[in-house]
Amino acid sequence: MKEDRDTDYCDELIMVLDRLEKLHGELAEVIDRKIDRMRVCDVPGMNECLGREQDLVAQVGEKEGLRRVLTDRVGRSFGMSPQKARRLTATQMAERLPAPHGRRLRASAGRLQELARRIERRNRVAGRLSTDVLEHLDTVLSAVTAPPDRSSAYSFAGRSVATAPRRLFEAVG
């Protein structure tokens, strides 16, 4: 009876990992769409992607909590404390499971890790694009707000402020 319950926990854990894989796949697609929207300056499209991205991240967080609970339960079936079970890698846990469960766990965890690496790479691209756009806008706004006599400019609040002389060519490079 206990072995059946332990097997059920393994099956549930694998189902949660499969759901996490699906969510990470959707997240990767949304990040790719967001990058495409960034490249064409489609602000409404970017906002739509950001909303979906936030929703997916929240769902991942929920499933991650369930994964931890199930990992604890599977670990207990090996006689481990929850803290020790949480430190196990998927490979280490798979080694302790019967063949079909261990194989499925290892395969599911491998696919999930690959998706996580893909998301990390795409997020770096999106971050770099955001940084480049912000730097460019800062340069453009600085050049545009400088008055012709270069002695004062207008702040975002609409007040006149003193500025150092700057030529448009210097601002752009």
N, C-alpha and C. Protein backbone atom coordinates (compact mmCIF):
# COMPACT_ATOMS: atom_id res chain seq x y z
N MET A 1 0.82 -1.19 0.00
CA MET A 1 0.00 0.00 0.00
C MET A 1 0.86 1.26 0.00
N LYS A 2 1.90 1.28 0.88
CA LYS A 2 2.79 2.43 0.94
C LYS A 2 3.51 2.60 -0.39
N GLU A 3 3.92 1.50 -1.02
CA GLU A 3 4.62 1.57 -2.29
C GLU A 3 3.73 2.17 -3.38
N ASP A 4 2.43 1.84 -3.35
CA ASP A 4 1.49 2.43 -4.32
C ASP A 4 1.40 3.93 -4.14
N ARG A 5 1.36 4.37 -2.86
CA ARG A 5 1.28 5.80 -2.58
C ARG A 5 2.56 6.50 -3.05
N ASP A 6 3.71 5.88 -2.81
CA ASP A 6 4.99 6.44 -3.26
C ASP A 6 5.03 6.54 -4.77
N THR A 7 4.53 5.52 -5.45
CA THR A 7 4.47 5.53 -6.91
C THR A 7 3.53 6.64 -7.39
N ASP A 8 2.42 6.83 -6.67
CA ASP A 8 1.49 7.91 -7.02
C ASP A 8 2.19 9.26 -6.92
N TYR A 9 2.99 9.45 -5.86
CA TYR A 9 3.73 10.71 -5.71
C TYR A 9 4.71 10.90 -6.87
N CYS A 10 5.35 9.82 -7.28
CA CYS A 10 6.27 9.90 -8.43
C CYS A 10 5.52 10.29 -9.69
N ASP A 11 4.36 9.66 -9.91
CA ASP A 11 3.55 9.98 -11.09
C ASP A 11 3.10 11.44 -11.05
N GLU A 12 2.67 11.89 -9.87
CA GLU A 12 2.25 13.29 -9.73
C GLU A 12 3.41 14.24 -9.99
N LEU A 13 4.59 13.91 -9.45
CA LEU A 13 5.77 14.75 -9.65
C LEU A 13 6.11 14.85 -11.14
N ILE A 14 6.05 13.75 -11.83
CA ILE A 14 6.34 13.75 -13.27
C ILE A 14 5.29 14.56 -14.02
N MET A 15 4.02 14.46 -13.61
CA MET A 15 2.97 15.26 -14.25
C MET A 15 3.21 16.76 -14.02
N VAL A 16 3.64 17.11 -12.81
CA VAL A 16 3.93 18.52 -12.51
C VAL A 16 5.11 19.00 -13.35
N LEU A 17 6.15 18.17 -13.48
CA LEU A 17 7.29 18.55 -14.32
C LEU A 17 6.87 18.70 -15.77
N ASP A 18 5.98 17.83 -16.25
CA ASP A 18 5.48 17.95 -17.62
C ASP A 18 4.70 19.25 -17.79
N ARG A 19 3.91 19.61 -16.78
CA ARG A 19 3.15 20.88 -16.84
C ARG A 19 4.11 22.06 -16.80
N LEU A 20 5.15 21.98 -15.97
CA LEU A 20 6.17 23.04 -15.94
C LEU A 20 6.86 23.16 -17.29
N GLU A 21 7.11 22.03 -17.92
CA GLU A 21 7.73 22.04 -19.26
C GLU A 21 6.82 22.77 -20.25
N LYS A 22 5.54 22.47 -20.21
CA LYS A 22 4.58 23.13 -21.11
C LYS A 22 4.55 24.64 -20.86
N LEU A 23 4.50 25.02 -19.59
CA LEU A 23 4.48 26.45 -19.24
C LEU A 23 5.77 27.14 -19.69
N HIS A 24 6.91 26.50 -19.49
CA HIS A 24 8.18 27.08 -19.93
C HIS A 24 8.24 27.19 -21.46
N GLY A 25 7.67 26.21 -22.15
CA GLY A 25 7.60 26.30 -23.61
C GLY A 25 6.78 27.50 -24.06
N GLU A 26 5.63 27.71 -23.42
CA GLU A 26 4.80 28.87 -23.73
C GLU A 26 5.54 30.16 -23.40
N LEU A 27 6.24 30.16 -22.28
CA LEU A 27 7.00 31.35 -21.87
C LEU A 27 8.09 31.67 -22.89
N ALA A 28 8.78 30.66 -23.37
CA ALA A 28 9.81 30.88 -24.40
C ALA A 28 9.21 31.48 -25.66
N GLU A 29 8.05 30.99 -26.06
CA GLU A 29 7.38 31.54 -27.25
C GLU A 29 6.97 32.99 -27.04
N VAL A 30 6.46 33.31 -25.85
CA VAL A 30 6.05 34.69 -25.56
C VAL A 30 7.27 35.62 -25.57
N ILE A 31 8.38 35.16 -25.02
CA ILE A 31 9.60 35.99 -25.01
C ILE A 31 10.08 36.22 -26.43
N ASP A 32 10.02 35.19 -27.27
CA ASP A 32 10.39 35.37 -28.68
C ASP A 32 9.49 36.38 -29.37
N ARG A 33 8.17 36.30 -29.10
CA ARG A 33 7.24 37.29 -29.68
C ARG A 33 7.53 38.69 -29.16
N LYS A 34 7.86 38.78 -27.87
CA LYS A 34 8.17 40.09 -27.28
C LYS A 34 9.40 40.70 -27.96
N ILE A 35 10.41 39.89 -28.20
CA ILE A 35 11.62 40.38 -28.89
C ILE A 35 11.27 40.84 -30.30
N ASP A 36 10.44 40.07 -30.99
CA ASP A 36 10.00 40.48 -32.33
C ASP A 36 9.26 41.81 -32.27
N ARG A 37 8.41 41.99 -31.27
CA ARG A 37 7.66 43.24 -31.10
C ARG A 37 8.62 44.39 -30.75
N MET A 38 9.66 44.12 -29.98
CA MET A 38 10.64 45.15 -29.63
C MET A 38 11.39 45.61 -30.88
N ARG A 39 11.69 44.69 -31.76
CA ARG A 39 12.45 45.03 -32.96
C ARG A 39 11.69 45.94 -33.90
N VAL A 40 10.36 45.91 -33.86
CA VAL A 40 9.57 46.77 -34.74
C VAL A 40 8.88 47.89 -33.96
N CYS A 41 9.27 48.07 -32.71
CA CYS A 41 8.74 49.14 -31.85
C CYS A 41 7.22 49.08 -31.71
N ASP A 42 6.68 47.89 -31.58
CA ASP A 42 5.24 47.69 -31.40
C ASP A 42 4.95 47.68 -29.90
N VAL A 43 4.72 48.87 -29.33
CA VAL A 43 4.52 49.00 -27.89
C VAL A 43 3.27 48.24 -27.42
N PRO A 44 2.13 48.36 -28.09
CA PRO A 44 0.98 47.56 -27.62
C PRO A 44 1.27 46.05 -27.67
N GLY A 45 1.98 45.60 -28.69
CA GLY A 45 2.35 44.19 -28.77
C GLY A 45 3.29 43.78 -27.65
N MET A 46 4.23 44.66 -27.32
CA MET A 46 5.14 44.37 -26.21
C MET A 46 4.37 44.27 -24.90
N ASN A 47 3.43 45.20 -24.69
CA ASN A 47 2.64 45.18 -23.46
C ASN A 47 1.79 43.91 -23.36
N GLU A 48 1.25 43.49 -24.47
CA GLU A 48 0.47 42.26 -24.49
C GLU A 48 1.35 41.06 -24.10
N CYS A 49 2.55 41.02 -24.67
CA CYS A 49 3.49 39.94 -24.34
C CYS A 49 3.90 39.99 -22.87
N LEU A 50 4.13 41.19 -22.36
CA LEU A 50 4.51 41.32 -20.95
C LEU A 50 3.41 40.81 -20.03
N GLY A 51 2.15 41.12 -20.36
CA GLY A 51 1.04 40.63 -19.55
C GLY A 51 0.97 39.11 -19.54
N ARG A 52 1.11 38.52 -20.72
CA ARG A 52 1.09 37.06 -20.82
C ARG A 52 2.29 36.44 -20.10
N GLU A 53 3.44 37.10 -20.23
CA GLU A 53 4.66 36.62 -19.57
C GLU A 53 4.46 36.61 -18.05
N GLN A 54 3.89 37.67 -17.50
CA GLN A 54 3.65 37.74 -16.06
C GLN A 54 2.68 36.65 -15.61
N ASP A 55 1.65 36.39 -16.40
CA ASP A 55 0.69 35.33 -16.09
C ASP A 55 1.38 33.97 -16.06
N LEU A 56 2.20 33.71 -17.06
CA LEU A 56 2.91 32.43 -17.12
C LEU A 56 3.89 32.26 -15.96
N VAL A 57 4.59 33.33 -15.61
CA VAL A 57 5.53 33.27 -14.49
C VAL A 57 4.79 32.96 -13.19
N ALA A 58 3.61 33.53 -13.01
CA ALA A 58 2.81 33.24 -11.82
C ALA A 58 2.40 31.77 -11.79
N GLN A 59 1.99 31.24 -12.94
CA GLN A 59 1.61 29.83 -13.02
C GLN A 59 2.82 28.92 -12.73
N VAL A 60 3.98 29.30 -13.25
CA VAL A 60 5.20 28.52 -12.98
C VAL A 60 5.48 28.52 -11.48
N GLY A 61 5.31 29.67 -10.84
CA GLY A 61 5.53 29.75 -9.39
C GLY A 61 4.61 28.82 -8.61
N GLU A 62 3.35 28.75 -9.02
CA GLU A 62 2.40 27.85 -8.36
C GLU A 62 2.82 26.39 -8.53
N LYS A 63 3.17 26.03 -9.76
CA LYS A 63 3.56 24.64 -10.03
C LYS A 63 4.89 24.31 -9.35
N GLU A 64 5.75 25.29 -9.22
CA GLU A 64 7.03 25.07 -8.55
C GLU A 64 6.81 24.74 -7.08
N GLY A 65 5.84 25.39 -6.44
CA GLY A 65 5.50 25.08 -5.05
C GLY A 65 5.00 23.65 -4.92
N LEU A 66 4.16 23.24 -5.86
CA LEU A 66 3.65 21.87 -5.85
C LEU A 66 4.78 20.88 -6.11
N ARG A 67 5.72 21.23 -6.97
CA ARG A 67 6.86 20.36 -7.24
C ARG A 67 7.67 20.13 -5.97
N ARG A 68 7.87 21.20 -5.18
CA ARG A 68 8.63 21.07 -3.93
C ARG A 68 7.92 20.14 -2.95
N VAL A 69 6.61 20.28 -2.83
CA VAL A 69 5.84 19.43 -1.93
C VAL A 69 5.97 17.97 -2.35
N LEU A 70 5.82 17.71 -3.64
CA LEU A 70 5.92 16.33 -4.13
C LEU A 70 7.33 15.78 -4.00
N THR A 71 8.33 16.63 -4.21
CA THR A 71 9.72 16.21 -4.02
C THR A 71 9.94 15.80 -2.57
N ASP A 72 9.38 16.56 -1.64
CA ASP A 72 9.47 16.21 -0.22
C ASP A 72 8.85 14.84 0.05
N ARG A 73 7.68 14.62 -0.52
CA ARG A 73 6.97 13.35 -0.30
C ARG A 73 7.73 12.17 -0.89
N VAL A 74 8.26 12.35 -2.09
CA VAL A 74 9.05 11.28 -2.70
C VAL A 74 10.30 11.03 -1.86
N GLY A 75 10.94 12.11 -1.41
CA GLY A 75 12.13 11.97 -0.56
C GLY A 75 11.83 11.24 0.73
N ARG A 76 10.66 11.51 1.33
CA ARG A 76 10.28 10.82 2.56
C ARG A 76 10.14 9.32 2.32
N SER A 77 9.70 8.96 1.11
CA SER A 77 9.57 7.52 0.81
C SER A 77 10.95 6.85 0.77
N PHE A 78 12.01 7.66 0.60
CA PHE A 78 13.38 7.14 0.66
C PHE A 78 13.96 7.26 2.06
N GLY A 79 13.15 7.79 3.01
CA GLY A 79 13.61 7.97 4.38
C GLY A 79 14.40 9.26 4.58
N MET A 80 14.21 10.24 3.70
CA MET A 80 14.96 11.51 3.78
C MET A 80 14.13 12.60 4.43
N SER A 81 14.82 13.58 4.97
CA SER A 81 14.14 14.77 5.47
C SER A 81 13.74 15.62 4.27
N PRO A 82 12.74 16.48 4.41
CA PRO A 82 12.35 17.34 3.29
C PRO A 82 13.51 18.21 2.78
N GLN A 83 14.34 18.69 3.71
CA GLN A 83 15.47 19.54 3.31
C GLN A 83 16.45 18.75 2.44
N LYS A 84 16.72 17.52 2.83
CA LYS A 84 17.64 16.70 2.06
C LYS A 84 17.04 16.33 0.71
N ALA A 85 15.75 16.02 0.69
CA ALA A 85 15.07 15.67 -0.56
C ALA A 85 15.11 16.84 -1.54
N ARG A 86 14.94 18.06 -1.05
CA ARG A 86 14.95 19.24 -1.93
C ARG A 86 16.31 19.47 -2.57
N ARG A 87 17.36 19.00 -1.91
CA ARG A 87 18.71 19.19 -2.46
C ARG A 87 19.06 18.16 -3.53
N LEU A 88 18.24 17.12 -3.64
CA LEU A 88 18.50 16.11 -4.66
C LEU A 88 18.28 16.69 -6.06
N THR A 89 19.16 16.37 -6.96
CA THR A 89 18.92 16.73 -8.36
C THR A 89 17.93 15.71 -8.92
N ALA A 90 17.35 16.03 -10.06
CA ALA A 90 16.42 15.10 -10.70
C ALA A 90 17.12 13.78 -11.02
N THR A 91 18.38 13.86 -11.43
CA THR A 91 19.14 12.65 -11.75
C THR A 91 19.32 11.79 -10.50
N GLN A 92 19.66 12.41 -9.38
CA GLN A 92 19.85 11.66 -8.14
C GLN A 92 18.54 11.02 -7.68
N MET A 93 17.45 11.75 -7.83
CA MET A 93 16.16 11.20 -7.44
C MET A 93 15.77 10.07 -8.39
N ALA A 94 16.02 10.27 -9.69
CA ALA A 94 15.66 9.25 -10.68
C ALA A 94 16.40 7.95 -10.42
N GLU A 95 17.65 8.05 -9.93
CA GLU A 95 18.43 6.84 -9.63
C GLU A 95 17.80 6.01 -8.53
N ARG A 96 17.03 6.64 -7.66
CA ARG A 96 16.42 5.94 -6.53
C ARG A 96 15.05 5.37 -6.87
N LEU A 97 14.50 5.77 -8.02
CA LEU A 97 13.16 5.34 -8.40
C LEU A 97 13.20 4.07 -9.24
N PRO A 98 12.09 3.31 -9.24
CA PRO A 98 12.01 2.15 -10.13
C PRO A 98 12.18 2.60 -11.59
N ALA A 99 12.65 1.70 -12.42
CA ALA A 99 13.05 2.00 -13.81
C ALA A 99 12.07 2.88 -14.59
N PRO A 100 10.79 2.55 -14.72
CA PRO A 100 9.97 3.41 -15.58
C PRO A 100 9.84 4.83 -15.02
N HIS A 101 9.72 4.96 -13.71
CA HIS A 101 9.58 6.29 -13.12
C HIS A 101 10.88 7.07 -13.22
N GLY A 102 11.98 6.41 -12.94
CA GLY A 102 13.29 7.07 -13.01
C GLY A 102 13.58 7.59 -14.41
N ARG A 103 13.28 6.75 -15.41
CA ARG A 103 13.51 7.14 -16.80
C ARG A 103 12.64 8.34 -17.18
N ARG A 104 11.37 8.28 -16.81
CA ARG A 104 10.45 9.38 -17.13
C ARG A 104 10.86 10.68 -16.42
N LEU A 105 11.26 10.55 -15.15
CA LEU A 105 11.68 11.73 -14.39
C LEU A 105 12.92 12.37 -15.03
N ARG A 106 13.89 11.53 -15.38
CA ARG A 106 15.12 12.03 -16.00
C ARG A 106 14.82 12.73 -17.34
N ALA A 107 13.97 12.13 -18.15
CA ALA A 107 13.63 12.71 -19.45
C ALA A 107 12.88 14.03 -19.28
N SER A 108 11.91 14.06 -18.39
CA SER A 108 11.13 15.28 -18.17
C SER A 108 12.01 16.41 -17.63
N ALA A 109 12.85 16.08 -16.67
CA ALA A 109 13.75 17.09 -16.08
C ALA A 109 14.73 17.61 -17.13
N GLY A 110 15.21 16.74 -18.00
CA GLY A 110 16.15 17.16 -19.05
C GLY A 110 15.50 18.15 -20.01
N ARG A 111 14.26 17.86 -20.42
CA ARG A 111 13.56 18.78 -21.33
C ARG A 111 13.30 20.12 -20.64
N LEU A 112 12.94 20.07 -19.38
CA LEU A 112 12.68 21.30 -18.63
C LEU A 112 13.95 22.14 -18.48
N GLN A 113 15.07 21.49 -18.22
CA GLN A 113 16.34 22.22 -18.11
C GLN A 113 16.72 22.89 -19.42
N GLU A 114 16.50 22.21 -20.53
CA GLU A 114 16.82 22.79 -21.84
C GLU A 114 15.94 24.02 -22.11
N LEU A 115 14.67 23.94 -21.77
CA LEU A 115 13.79 25.09 -21.94
C LEU A 115 14.22 26.25 -21.04
N ALA A 116 14.61 25.95 -19.82
CA ALA A 116 15.06 27.00 -18.90
C ALA A 116 16.30 27.70 -19.46
N ARG A 117 17.22 26.94 -20.05
CA ARG A 117 18.41 27.56 -20.67
C ARG A 117 18.00 28.43 -21.85
N ARG A 118 17.05 27.97 -22.65
CA ARG A 118 16.57 28.76 -23.80
C ARG A 118 15.95 30.07 -23.32
N ILE A 119 15.13 30.00 -22.28
CA ILE A 119 14.50 31.20 -21.73
C ILE A 119 15.55 32.16 -21.21
N GLU A 120 16.55 31.64 -20.54
CA GLU A 120 17.62 32.49 -20.01
C GLU A 120 18.34 33.22 -21.14
N ARG A 121 18.65 32.51 -22.22
CA ARG A 121 19.33 33.14 -23.37
C ARG A 121 18.45 34.21 -24.00
N ARG A 122 17.17 33.92 -24.19
CA ARG A 122 16.26 34.88 -24.83
C ARG A 122 16.03 36.09 -23.91
N ASN A 123 15.98 35.88 -22.61
CA ASN A 123 15.82 37.01 -21.69
C ASN A 123 17.05 37.92 -21.72
N ARG A 124 18.24 37.34 -21.92
CA ARG A 124 19.43 38.18 -22.05
C ARG A 124 19.33 39.05 -23.31
N VAL A 125 18.83 38.48 -24.40
CA VAL A 125 18.65 39.25 -25.64
C VAL A 125 17.64 40.37 -25.40
N ALA A 126 16.51 40.05 -24.78
CA ALA A 126 15.49 41.06 -24.51
C ALA A 126 16.03 42.15 -23.59
N GLY A 127 16.80 41.77 -22.59
CA GLY A 127 17.40 42.76 -21.69
C GLY A 127 18.36 43.68 -22.41
N ARG A 128 19.16 43.10 -23.30
CA ARG A 128 20.12 43.91 -24.07
C ARG A 128 19.39 44.87 -25.00
N LEU A 129 18.32 44.39 -25.65
CA LEU A 129 17.53 45.27 -26.52
C LEU A 129 16.95 46.43 -25.71
N SER A 130 16.41 46.12 -24.54
CA SER A 130 15.82 47.17 -23.69
C SER A 130 16.88 48.19 -23.28
N THR A 131 18.05 47.73 -22.89
CA THR A 131 19.13 48.64 -22.49
C THR A 131 19.55 49.52 -23.65
N ASP A 132 19.71 48.93 -24.84
CA ASP A 132 20.11 49.71 -26.01
C ASP A 132 19.08 50.76 -26.37
N VAL A 133 17.80 50.40 -26.31
CA VAL A 133 16.74 51.35 -26.63
C VAL A 133 16.73 52.50 -25.63
N LEU A 134 16.86 52.18 -24.34
CA LEU A 134 16.85 53.24 -23.32
C LEU A 134 18.05 54.17 -23.47
N GLU A 135 19.21 53.62 -23.75
CA GLU A 135 20.40 54.46 -23.96
C GLU A 135 20.21 55.36 -25.18
N HIS A 136 19.65 54.80 -26.23
CA HIS A 136 19.41 55.59 -27.44
C HIS A 136 18.41 56.72 -27.16
N LEU A 137 17.32 56.40 -26.48
CA LEU A 137 16.32 57.43 -26.16
C LEU A 137 16.90 58.52 -25.27
N ASP A 138 17.74 58.14 -24.31
CA ASP A 138 18.37 59.13 -23.45
C ASP A 138 19.23 60.08 -24.27
N THR A 139 19.99 59.53 -25.20
CA THR A 139 20.84 60.35 -26.06
C THR A 139 20.00 61.28 -26.92
N VAL A 140 18.96 60.74 -27.53
CA VAL A 140 18.10 61.55 -28.39
C VAL A 140 17.42 62.65 -27.59
N LEU A 141 16.85 62.31 -26.45
CA LEU A 141 16.17 63.31 -25.64
C LEU A 141 17.13 64.39 -25.14
N SER A 142 18.33 63.99 -24.79
CA SER A 142 19.31 64.98 -24.35
C SER A 142 19.64 65.96 -25.47
N ALA A 143 19.80 65.44 -26.68
CA ALA A 143 20.12 66.30 -27.82
C ALA A 143 18.94 67.18 -28.20
N VAL A 144 17.76 66.64 -28.14
CA VAL A 144 16.57 67.39 -28.55
C VAL A 144 16.21 68.46 -27.54
N THR A 145 16.41 68.22 -26.27
CA THR A 145 16.02 69.20 -25.26
C THR A 145 17.04 70.33 -25.11
N ALA A 146 18.22 70.18 -25.69
CA ALA A 146 19.21 71.26 -25.62
C ALA A 146 18.79 72.39 -26.56
N PRO A 147 18.70 73.63 -26.06
CA PRO A 147 18.29 74.76 -26.90
C PRO A 147 19.41 75.16 -27.86
N PRO A 148 19.07 75.91 -28.89
CA PRO A 148 20.09 76.34 -29.86
C PRO A 148 21.25 77.10 -29.22
N ASP A 149 20.98 77.94 -28.20
CA ASP A 149 22.08 78.71 -27.61
C ASP A 149 22.87 77.89 -26.58
N ARG A 150 22.42 76.67 -26.30
CA ARG A 150 23.11 75.71 -25.43
C ARG A 150 23.27 76.19 -23.98
N SER A 151 22.56 77.24 -23.59
CA SER A 151 22.71 77.72 -22.22
C SER A 151 21.63 77.16 -21.30
N SER A 152 20.51 76.77 -21.84
CA SER A 152 19.46 76.19 -21.00
C SER A 152 18.62 75.23 -21.84
N ALA A 153 17.88 74.36 -21.15
CA ALA A 153 17.02 73.38 -21.82
C ALA A 153 15.77 73.24 -20.98
N TYR A 154 14.86 72.43 -21.43
CA TYR A 154 13.63 72.18 -20.70
C TYR A 154 13.66 70.79 -20.09
N SER A 155 13.31 70.72 -18.81
CA SER A 155 13.26 69.43 -18.12
C SER A 155 11.95 68.73 -18.49
N PHE A 156 11.81 67.49 -18.02
CA PHE A 156 10.58 66.75 -18.27
C PHE A 156 9.38 67.45 -17.63
N ALA A 157 9.63 68.22 -16.59
CA ALA A 157 8.56 68.96 -15.91
C ALA A 157 8.23 70.26 -16.63
N GLY A 158 8.98 70.61 -17.69
CA GLY A 158 8.70 71.81 -18.46
C GLY A 158 9.41 73.05 -17.96
N ARG A 159 10.33 72.90 -17.03
CA ARG A 159 11.06 74.05 -16.51
C ARG A 159 12.38 74.19 -17.26
N SER A 160 12.84 75.41 -17.35
CA SER A 160 14.11 75.69 -18.00
C SER A 160 15.24 75.34 -17.03
N VAL A 161 16.25 74.61 -17.52
CA VAL A 161 17.40 74.24 -16.71
C VAL A 161 18.67 74.53 -17.49
N ALA A 162 19.74 74.87 -16.76
CA ALA A 162 21.02 75.15 -17.41
C ALA A 162 21.64 73.85 -17.91
N THR A 163 22.31 73.93 -19.07
CA THR A 163 22.96 72.74 -19.63
C THR A 163 24.34 73.11 -20.13
N ALA A 164 25.16 72.10 -20.27
CA ALA A 164 26.47 72.29 -20.88
C ALA A 164 26.29 72.24 -22.40
N PRO A 165 27.14 72.95 -23.15
CA PRO A 165 27.01 72.90 -24.61
C PRO A 165 27.15 71.47 -25.12
N ARG A 166 26.31 71.12 -26.08
CA ARG A 166 26.36 69.79 -26.69
C ARG A 166 25.85 69.89 -28.12
N ARG A 167 26.56 69.31 -29.00
CA ARG A 167 26.13 69.29 -30.39
C ARG A 167 25.41 67.97 -30.66
N LEU A 168 24.48 67.98 -31.58
CA LEU A 168 23.75 66.77 -31.91
C LEU A 168 24.70 65.67 -32.36
N PHE A 169 25.73 66.02 -33.13
CA PHE A 169 26.69 65.01 -33.60
C PHE A 169 27.40 64.35 -32.42
N GLU A 170 27.77 65.14 -31.41
CA GLU A 170 28.43 64.58 -30.24
C GLU A 170 27.53 63.65 -29.46
N ALA A 171 26.25 63.98 -29.43
CA ALA A 171 25.31 63.17 -28.67
C ALA A 171 25.09 61.80 -29.32
N VAL A 172 25.12 61.76 -30.63
CA VAL A 172 24.85 60.52 -31.35
C VAL A 172 26.11 59.71 -31.56
N GLY A 173 27.23 60.35 -31.67
CA GLY A 173 28.48 59.62 -31.79
C GLY A 173 29.11 59.81 -33.09
